C-alpha atoms as a PDB file:
ATOM      1  CA  MET A   1       1.858  12.387 -14.081  1.00  0.00           C
ATOM      2  CA  HIS A   2       0.650  10.063 -11.431  1.00  0.00           C
ATOM      3  CA  ILE A   3      -1.896   7.217 -11.811  1.00  0.00           C
ATOM      4  CA  PHE A   4      -3.603   4.604  -9.742  1.00  0.00           C
ATOM      5  CA  VAL A   5      -3.614   1.038 -11.111  1.00  0.00           C
ATOM      6  CA  THR A   6      -6.625  -1.004 -10.022  1.00  0.00           C
ATOM      7  CA  GLY A   7      -8.125  -4.204 -11.335  1.00  0.00           C
ATOM      8  CA  THR A   8     -11.405  -5.792 -11.993  1.00  0.00           C
ATOM      9  CA  ASP A   9     -10.336  -8.539  -9.539  1.00  0.00           C
ATOM     10  CA  THR A  10      -7.250 -10.002  -7.921  1.00  0.00           C
ATOM     11  CA  ASP A  11      -4.634 -11.751 -10.042  1.00  0.00           C
ATOM     12  CA  VAL A  12      -5.357  -9.814 -13.249  1.00  0.00           C
ATOM     13  CA  GLY A  13      -1.694  -8.712 -13.601  1.00  0.00           C
ATOM     14  CA  LYS A  14      -1.640  -5.327 -12.026  1.00  0.00           C
ATOM     15  CA  THR A  15       1.912  -5.738 -10.893  1.00  0.00           C
ATOM     16  CA  VAL A  16       3.163  -6.571 -14.357  1.00  0.00           C
ATOM     17  CA  VAL A  17       1.337  -3.602 -15.857  1.00  0.00           C
ATOM     18  CA  THR A  18       2.528  -1.269 -13.100  1.00  0.00           C
ATOM     19  CA  ALA A  19       6.149  -2.453 -13.219  1.00  0.00           C
ATOM     20  CA  GLY A  20       6.237  -2.443 -16.990  1.00  0.00           C
ATOM     21  CA  ILE A  21       4.971   1.182 -17.297  1.00  0.00           C
ATOM     22  CA  ALA A  22       7.269   2.288 -14.612  1.00  0.00           C
ATOM     23  CA  ALA A  23      10.195   0.797 -16.344  1.00  0.00           C
ATOM     24  CA  VAL A  24       9.144   2.412 -19.650  1.00  0.00           C
ATOM     25  CA  MET A  25       8.967   5.921 -17.963  1.00  0.00           C
ATOM     26  CA  GLN A  26      12.323   5.333 -16.319  1.00  0.00           C
ATOM     27  CA  SER A  27      13.841   4.357 -19.743  1.00  0.00           C
ATOM     28  CA  LEU A  28      12.343   7.544 -21.238  1.00  0.00           C
ATOM     29  CA  GLY A  29      14.344   9.643 -18.797  1.00  0.00           C
ATOM     30  CA  TYR A  30      11.685  10.234 -16.059  1.00  0.00           C
ATOM     31  CA  GLN A  31      12.342   9.334 -12.440  1.00  0.00           C
ATOM     32  CA  ALA A  32       9.593   6.839 -11.823  1.00  0.00           C
ATOM     33  CA  GLY A  33       8.185   5.560  -8.642  1.00  0.00           C
ATOM     34  CA  VAL A  34       5.834   2.714  -7.613  1.00  0.00           C
ATOM     35  CA  TYR A  35       3.850   3.159  -4.392  1.00  0.00           C
ATOM     36  CA  LYS A  36       1.826   0.357  -2.791  1.00  0.00           C
ATOM     37  CA  PRO A  37      -0.304   1.548   0.070  1.00  0.00           C
ATOM     38  CA  PHE A  38      -0.876  -2.060   1.090  1.00  0.00           C
ATOM     39  CA  GLN A  39       0.863  -5.361   0.454  1.00  0.00           C
ATOM     40  CA  SER A  40      -1.064  -8.415   1.536  1.00  0.00           C
ATOM     41  CA  GLY A  41       0.672 -11.739   1.329  1.00  0.00           C
ATOM     42  CA  ALA A  42       4.123 -10.396   2.136  1.00  0.00           C
ATOM     43  CA  ILE A  43       6.993 -12.810   1.885  1.00  0.00           C
ATOM     44  CA  GLU A  44       9.841 -13.343   4.358  1.00  0.00           C
ATOM     45  CA  ARG A  45      13.392 -12.702   3.339  1.00  0.00           C
ATOM     46  CA  ASN A  46      16.339 -12.711   5.736  1.00  0.00           C
ATOM     47  CA  GLY A  47      14.031 -12.342   8.737  1.00  0.00           C
ATOM     48  CA  PHE A  48      12.093  -9.423   7.285  1.00  0.00           C
ATOM     49  CA  TYR A  49       8.738  -9.314   5.537  1.00  0.00           C
ATOM     50  CA  VAL A  50       8.945  -7.596   2.105  1.00  0.00           C
ATOM     51  CA  SER A  51       6.597  -6.796  -0.798  1.00  0.00           C
ATOM     52  CA  PRO A  52       6.937  -9.323  -3.550  1.00  0.00           C
ATOM     53  CA  ASP A  53       5.296  -6.837  -5.979  1.00  0.00           C
ATOM     54  CA  LEU A  54       7.834  -4.193  -5.235  1.00  0.00           C
ATOM     55  CA  ALA A  55      10.645  -6.720  -5.403  1.00  0.00           C
ATOM     56  CA  PHE A  56       9.468  -7.461  -8.971  1.00  0.00           C
ATOM     57  CA  VAL A  57       9.586  -3.727  -9.797  1.00  0.00           C
ATOM     58  CA  LYS A  58      13.184  -3.488  -8.487  1.00  0.00           C
ATOM     59  CA  LYS A  59      14.213  -6.536 -10.430  1.00  0.00           C
ATOM     60  CA  LEU A  60      13.047  -4.909 -13.666  1.00  0.00           C
ATOM     61  CA  ASP A  61      14.694  -1.581 -12.834  1.00  0.00           C
ATOM     62  CA  PHE A  62      16.645  -1.000  -9.647  1.00  0.00           C
ATOM     63  CA  TYR A  63      16.424   2.802 -10.099  1.00  0.00           C
ATOM     64  CA  VAL A  64      12.623   2.916  -9.856  1.00  0.00           C
ATOM     65  CA  GLU A  65      11.733   4.298  -6.415  1.00  0.00           C
ATOM     66  CA  THR A  66       9.508   2.012  -4.460  1.00  0.00           C
ATOM     67  CA  LEU A  67       7.552   2.485  -1.178  1.00  0.00           C
ATOM     68  CA  CYS A  68       4.919   0.513   0.768  1.00  0.00           C
ATOM     69  CA  SER A  69       3.012   1.844   3.823  1.00  0.00           C
ATOM     70  CA  TYR A  70       1.627  -1.412   5.163  1.00  0.00           C
ATOM     71  CA  ILE A  71       3.386  -4.809   4.652  1.00  0.00           C
ATOM     72  CA  LEU A  72       0.945  -7.480   5.814  1.00  0.00           C
ATOM     73  CA  LYS A  73       1.541 -11.200   5.989  1.00  0.00           C
ATOM     74  CA  GLU A  74      -1.925 -12.628   5.364  1.00  0.00           C
ATOM     75  CA  PRO A  75      -3.044 -12.862   1.668  1.00  0.00           C
ATOM     76  CA  ALA A  76      -6.392 -11.224   2.366  1.00  0.00           C
ATOM     77  CA  ALA A  77      -8.120  -7.880   2.162  1.00  0.00           C
ATOM     78  CA  PRO A  78      -5.844  -5.189   3.803  1.00  0.00           C
ATOM     79  CA  PHE A  79      -8.473  -4.584   6.539  1.00  0.00           C
ATOM     80  CA  ILE A  80      -8.608  -8.290   7.473  1.00  0.00           C
ATOM     81  CA  ALA A  81      -4.826  -8.778   7.197  1.00  0.00           C
ATOM     82  CA  ALA A  82      -4.156  -5.809   9.284  1.00  0.00           C
ATOM     83  CA  GLU A  83      -6.727  -6.785  11.928  1.00  0.00           C
ATOM     84  CA  LEU A  84      -5.122 -10.196  12.247  1.00  0.00           C
ATOM     85  CA  GLU A  85      -1.822  -8.449  13.056  1.00  0.00           C
ATOM     86  CA  HIS A  86      -3.450  -5.879  15.297  1.00  0.00           C
ATOM     87  CA  ILE A  87      -2.339  -3.082  12.955  1.00  0.00           C
ATOM     88  CA  ASN A  88      -4.407   0.115  12.624  1.00  0.00           C
ATOM     89  CA  ILE A  89      -4.463   1.405   9.123  1.00  0.00           C
ATOM     90  CA  ASP A  90      -4.315   5.170   9.151  1.00  0.00           C
ATOM     91  CA  MET A  91      -5.317   6.920   5.934  1.00  0.00           C
ATOM     92  CA  GLU A  92      -3.150   9.898   6.890  1.00  0.00           C
ATOM     93  CA  ASN A  93      -0.114   7.664   6.511  1.00  0.00           C
ATOM     94  CA  ILE A  94      -1.214   6.883   3.008  1.00  0.00           C
ATOM     95  CA  THR A  95      -1.329  10.555   2.115  1.00  0.00           C
ATOM     96  CA  LYS A  96       2.032  11.220   3.817  1.00  0.00           C
ATOM     97  CA  ASP A  97       3.816   8.427   2.039  1.00  0.00           C
ATOM     98  CA  PHE A  98       2.351   9.275  -1.365  1.00  0.00           C
ATOM     99  CA  ASN A  99       3.531  12.884  -0.989  1.00  0.00           C
ATOM    100  CA  LEU A 100       6.909  11.574   0.152  1.00  0.00           C
ATOM    101  CA  ILE A 101       7.436   9.514  -3.053  1.00  0.00           C
ATOM    102  CA  LYS A 102       5.969  12.253  -5.230  1.00  0.00           C
ATOM    103  CA  ARG A 103       8.662  14.644  -3.997  1.00  0.00           C
ATOM    104  CA  LYS A 104      11.279  12.160  -5.345  1.00  0.00           C
ATOM    105  CA  CYS A 105       9.660  11.239  -8.614  1.00  0.00           C
ATOM    106  CA  GLU A 106       8.307  12.835 -11.751  1.00  0.00           C
ATOM    107  CA  THR A 107       5.744  10.041 -12.229  1.00  0.00           C
ATOM    108  CA  VAL A 108       4.328   7.700  -9.611  1.00  0.00           C
ATOM    109  CA  LEU A 109       2.255   4.627 -10.258  1.00  0.00           C
ATOM    110  CA  VAL A 110       0.159   3.611  -7.226  1.00  0.00           C
ATOM    111  CA  GLU A 111      -0.766  -0.067  -7.259  1.00  0.00           C
ATOM    112  CA  GLY A 112      -3.897  -1.103  -5.354  1.00  0.00           C
ATOM    113  CA  ALA A 113      -4.785  -4.404  -3.860  1.00  0.00           C
ATOM    114  CA  GLY A 114      -7.548  -6.330  -5.641  1.00  0.00           C
ATOM    115  CA  GLY A 115     -10.435  -4.077  -6.991  1.00  0.00           C
ATOM    116  CA  LEU A 116     -12.171  -0.890  -6.079  1.00  0.00           C
ATOM    117  CA  LEU A 117     -14.315  -2.226  -3.240  1.00  0.00           C
ATOM    118  CA  VAL A 118     -11.657  -4.191  -1.384  1.00  0.00           C
ATOM    119  CA  PRO A 119     -11.918  -3.107   2.323  1.00  0.00           C
ATOM    120  CA  VAL A 120      -8.911  -1.248   3.711  1.00  0.00           C
ATOM    121  CA  THR A 121     -10.394  -0.030   6.933  1.00  0.00           C
ATOM    122  CA  GLN A 122     -13.609  -0.771   8.739  1.00  0.00           C
ATOM    123  CA  ARG A 123     -15.333   1.963   6.720  1.00  0.00           C
ATOM    124  CA  GLU A 124     -13.163   2.603   3.718  1.00  0.00           C
ATOM    125  CA  THR A 125     -12.393   0.715   0.515  1.00  0.00           C
ATOM    126  CA  MET A 126      -9.625   0.950  -2.122  1.00  0.00           C
ATOM    127  CA  ALA A 127     -11.878   3.474  -4.026  1.00  0.00           C
ATOM    128  CA  ASP A 128     -11.594   5.769  -0.998  1.00  0.00           C
ATOM    129  CA  VAL A 129      -7.832   5.539  -1.290  1.00  0.00           C
ATOM    130  CA  ILE A 130      -7.943   6.684  -4.959  1.00  0.00           C
ATOM    131  CA  LYS A 131     -10.234   9.566  -4.060  1.00  0.00           C
ATOM    132  CA  LEU A 132      -7.937  10.522  -1.211  1.00  0.00           C
ATOM    133  CA  LEU A 133      -4.904  10.640  -3.566  1.00  0.00           C
ATOM    134  CA  ASP A 134      -7.026  12.432  -6.168  1.00  0.00           C
ATOM    135  CA  ILE A 135      -5.350  10.827  -9.271  1.00  0.00           C
ATOM    136  CA  PRO A 136      -6.810   9.093 -12.324  1.00  0.00           C
ATOM    137  CA  THR A 137      -7.128   5.294 -12.345  1.00  0.00           C
ATOM    138  CA  VAL A 138      -6.193   2.714 -14.969  1.00  0.00           C
ATOM    139  CA  ILE A 139      -8.299  -0.440 -14.814  1.00  0.00           C
ATOM    140  CA  VAL A 140      -6.585  -3.702 -15.539  1.00  0.00           C
ATOM    141  CA  ALA A 141      -8.936  -6.471 -16.802  1.00  0.00           C
ATOM    142  CA  ARG A 142      -8.807 -10.043 -17.921  1.00  0.00           C
ATOM    143  CA  PRO A 143      -9.640 -10.923 -21.546  1.00  0.00           C
ATOM    144  CA  ASP A 144     -11.824 -13.920 -21.070  1.00  0.00           C
ATOM    145  CA  LEU A 145     -15.494 -14.663 -20.537  1.00  0.00           C
ATOM    146  CA  GLY A 146     -17.047 -12.512 -17.862  1.00  0.00           C
ATOM    147  CA  THR A 147     -14.618  -9.657 -18.190  1.00  0.00           C
ATOM    148  CA  VAL A 148     -17.191  -7.312 -19.849  1.00  0.00           C
ATOM    149  CA  ASN A 149     -19.419  -7.498 -16.830  1.00  0.00           C
ATOM    150  CA  HIS A 150     -16.587  -7.169 -14.308  1.00  0.00           C
ATOM    151  CA  THR A 151     -15.118  -4.236 -16.220  1.00  0.00           C
ATOM    152  CA  LEU A 152     -18.298  -2.370 -16.682  1.00  0.00           C
ATOM    153  CA  LEU A 153     -19.188  -2.808 -13.047  1.00  0.00           C
ATOM    154  CA  THR A 154     -15.786  -1.389 -12.044  1.00  0.00           C
ATOM    155  CA  ILE A 155     -16.168   1.513 -14.478  1.00  0.00           C
ATOM    156  CA  ASN A 156     -19.640   2.272 -13.177  1.00  0.00           C
ATOM    157  CA  GLN A 157     -18.499   2.203  -9.528  1.00  0.00           C
ATOM    158  CA  ALA A 158     -15.596   4.492 -10.209  1.00  0.00           C
ATOM    159  CA  GLU A 159     -17.777   6.992 -11.990  1.00  0.00           C
ATOM    160  CA  LEU A 160     -20.417   6.753  -9.237  1.00  0.00           C
ATOM    161  CA  MET A 161     -17.653   7.756  -6.711  1.00  0.00           C
ATOM    162  CA  GLY A 162     -16.277  10.610  -8.919  1.00  0.00           C
ATOM    163  CA  ILE A 163     -13.062   8.777  -9.756  1.00  0.00           C
ATOM    164  CA  LYS A 164     -11.442   9.835 -13.037  1.00  0.00           C
ATOM    165  CA  ILE A 165     -10.821   6.885 -15.360  1.00  0.00           C
ATOM    166  CA  ALA A 166      -7.739   7.066 -17.608  1.00  0.00           C
ATOM    167  CA  GLY A 167      -8.842   3.938 -19.379  1.00  0.00           C
ATOM    168  CA  VAL A 168      -8.730   0.092 -19.453  1.00  0.00           C
ATOM    169  CA  ILE A 169      -5.800  -2.168 -20.124  1.00  0.00           C
ATOM    170  CA  ILE A 170      -6.612  -5.808 -20.968  1.00  0.00           C
ATOM    171  CA  ASN A 171      -3.915  -8.127 -19.793  1.00  0.00           C
ATOM    172  CA  LYS A 172      -3.029 -11.771 -20.403  1.00  0.00           C
ATOM    173  CA  TYR A 173      -4.425 -11.747 -23.888  1.00  0.00           C
ATOM    174  CA  PRO A 174      -4.161 -15.349 -25.259  1.00  0.00           C
ATOM    175  CA  GLU A 175      -2.407 -16.363 -28.404  1.00  0.00           C
ATOM    176  CA  ASP A 176      -5.504 -18.220 -29.552  1.00  0.00           C
ATOM    177  CA  LYS A 177      -7.847 -15.388 -30.533  1.00  0.00           C
ATOM    178  CA  ASP A 178     -10.683 -17.488 -31.904  1.00  0.00           C
ATOM    179  CA  ASP A 179     -12.682 -17.263 -28.766  1.00  0.00           C
ATOM    180  CA  VAL A 180     -15.689 -14.983 -29.539  1.00  0.00           C
ATOM    181  CA  ALA A 181     -15.850 -13.657 -25.938  1.00  0.00           C
ATOM    182  CA  VAL A 182     -12.193 -12.715 -25.993  1.00  0.00           C
ATOM    183  CA  LYS A 183     -12.352 -11.050 -29.497  1.00  0.00           C
ATOM    184  CA  THR A 184     -15.397  -8.951 -28.714  1.00  0.00           C
ATOM    185  CA  ALA A 185     -14.613  -7.885 -25.147  1.00  0.00           C
ATOM    186  CA  PRO A 186     -12.599  -4.774 -26.001  1.00  0.00           C
ATOM    187  CA  ARG A 187     -15.276  -3.430 -28.320  1.00  0.00           C
ATOM    188  CA  LEU A 188     -18.057  -4.133 -25.892  1.00  0.00           C
ATOM    189  CA  ILE A 189     -16.306  -2.437 -23.067  1.00  0.00           C
ATOM    190  CA  GLU A 190     -15.941   0.750 -25.157  1.00  0.00           C
ATOM    191  CA  ASP A 191     -19.520   0.497 -26.549  1.00  0.00           C
ATOM    192  CA  TYR A 192     -21.078   0.179 -23.128  1.00  0.00           C
ATOM    193  CA  SER A 193     -19.045   2.744 -21.255  1.00  0.00           C
ATOM    194  CA  ASN A 194     -17.213   6.039 -21.655  1.00  0.00           C
ATOM    195  CA  ALA A 195     -13.858   4.339 -21.004  1.00  0.00           C
ATOM    196  CA  LYS A 196     -11.302   3.645 -23.750  1.00  0.00           C
ATOM    197  CA  ILE A 197      -9.110   0.664 -24.218  1.00  0.00           C
ATOM    198  CA  LEU A 198      -5.477   1.888 -23.630  1.00  0.00           C
ATOM    199  CA  GLY A 199      -3.853  -1.378 -24.514  1.00  0.00           C
ATOM    200  CA  ILE A 200      -4.082  -5.148 -24.894  1.00  0.00           C
ATOM    201  CA  ILE A 201      -1.127  -7.030 -23.499  1.00  0.00           C
ATOM    202  CA  PRO A 202      -0.433 -10.580 -24.519  1.00  0.00           C
ATOM    203  CA  GLU A 203      -0.129 -13.395 -22.022  1.00  0.00           C
ATOM    204  CA  ILE A 204       3.356 -13.503 -20.555  1.00  0.00           C
ATOM    205  CA  LYS A 205       4.218 -16.974 -19.298  1.00  0.00           C
ATOM    206  CA  ASN A 206       6.665 -17.072 -16.422  1.00  0.00           C
ATOM    207  CA  PHE A 207       6.622 -13.308 -16.239  1.00  0.00           C
ATOM    208  CA  GLN A 208       8.840 -13.421 -13.081  1.00  0.00           C
ATOM    209  CA  TYR A 209      11.777 -14.278 -15.300  1.00  0.00           C
ATOM    210  CA  ILE A 210      11.098 -11.819 -18.139  1.00  0.00           C
ATOM    211  CA  LYS A 211      14.004  -9.634 -19.205  1.00  0.00           C
ATOM    212  CA  PRO A 212      13.457  -5.868 -18.509  1.00  0.00           C
ATOM    213  CA  GLY A 213      14.016  -4.951 -22.166  1.00  0.00           C
ATOM    214  CA  ASP A 214      11.494  -7.561 -23.337  1.00  0.00           C
ATOM    215  CA  LEU A 215       8.796  -6.201 -20.996  1.00  0.00           C
ATOM    216  CA  ILE A 216       9.543  -2.635 -21.970  1.00  0.00           C
ATOM    217  CA  ASP A 217       9.203  -3.570 -25.631  1.00  0.00           C
ATOM    218  CA  ILE A 218       5.832  -5.274 -24.914  1.00  0.00           C
ATOM    219  CA  MET A 219       4.543  -2.213 -23.022  1.00  0.00           C
ATOM    220  CA  ILE A 220       5.627   0.267 -25.719  1.00  0.00           C
ATOM    221  CA  ASN A 221       4.140  -1.822 -28.584  1.00  0.00           C
ATOM    222  CA  CYS A 222       0.911  -2.803 -26.822  1.00  0.00           C
ATOM    223  CA  VAL A 223      -0.022   0.155 -24.510  1.00  0.00           C
ATOM    224  CA  ASP A 224      -0.686   3.820 -25.407  1.00  0.00           C
ATOM    225  CA  ILE A 225       1.566   5.205 -22.673  1.00  0.00           C
ATOM    226  CA  GLU A 226       0.741   8.832 -23.642  1.00  0.00           C
ATOM    227  CA  LYS A 227      -3.010   8.156 -23.132  1.00  0.00           C
ATOM    228  CA  VAL A 228      -2.340   6.475 -19.800  1.00  0.00           C
ATOM    229  CA  PHE A 229      -0.944   9.737 -18.457  1.00  0.00           C
ATOM    230  CA  GLY A 230      -3.049  12.001 -20.631  1.00  0.00           C
ATOM    231  CA  LEU A 231      -0.096  13.952 -22.068  1.00  0.00           C
ATOM    232  CA  ARG A 232       2.466  14.061 -24.829  1.00  0.00           C
ATOM    233  CA  ILE A 233       5.689  12.198 -23.921  1.00  0.00           C
ATOM    234  CA  PRO A 234       8.827  13.212 -25.857  1.00  0.00           C
ATOM    235  CA  LYS A 235      10.254  10.341 -27.939  1.00  0.00           C
ATOM    236  CA  LEU A 236      13.594   9.840 -26.300  1.00  0.00           C
ATOM    237  CA  ASN A 237      16.096   7.092 -26.927  1.00  0.00           C
ATOM    238  CA  LEU A 238      15.407   4.185 -24.712  1.00  0.00           C
ATOM    239  CA  GLU A 239      18.352   2.929 -22.564  1.00  0.00           C
ATOM    240  CA  TYR A 240      18.174  -0.609 -21.093  1.00  0.00           C
END
């Protein structure tokens, strides 16, 4: 029950999707974990650099396990950010840390940085990280004009590299649904690929301040959690 969350681009809302699903699984009685191999654009708190994405996860549910292998200051591709800090990214550390959090958790969501072809070393991209961990990926996409092209390119690249696709989640869906491009994007993505739409999440303004229960409700109502993990999840009483 482990998945990799990637995006068609940066700033598509991978962290909200990752944190929301992790909080749902935790509420269903599973020990959930969120693993970030790389955090670019780290923030300083009390003299230490921390992952803002994992801080958001902890804010939603403190009991979700979190782990990050490389916390990098520059908001750039991990390879470039690490190079600026004279840090050598070792893929063996990624495997080691993933196995570490897997031993603690029944379900782990691995959140990537950017999209599939973001460089992480001189020769490897985020797609190579997914292949290394050998888990299915969920693709998070925008709803607006251009998303069909970006999403299909991401799906095609994943298939070309032998990455199993769990499906696509469209995030930040606007309240105004009159835009033809927005309305037809989900259907076109399914028509022109083998991937299925697993959910359509409405636009959440000021998501940093959302209440945990509100985000859990959105995820349960808007995302097919069972299809995300490809299994039947018992319907337990949610506690939050």
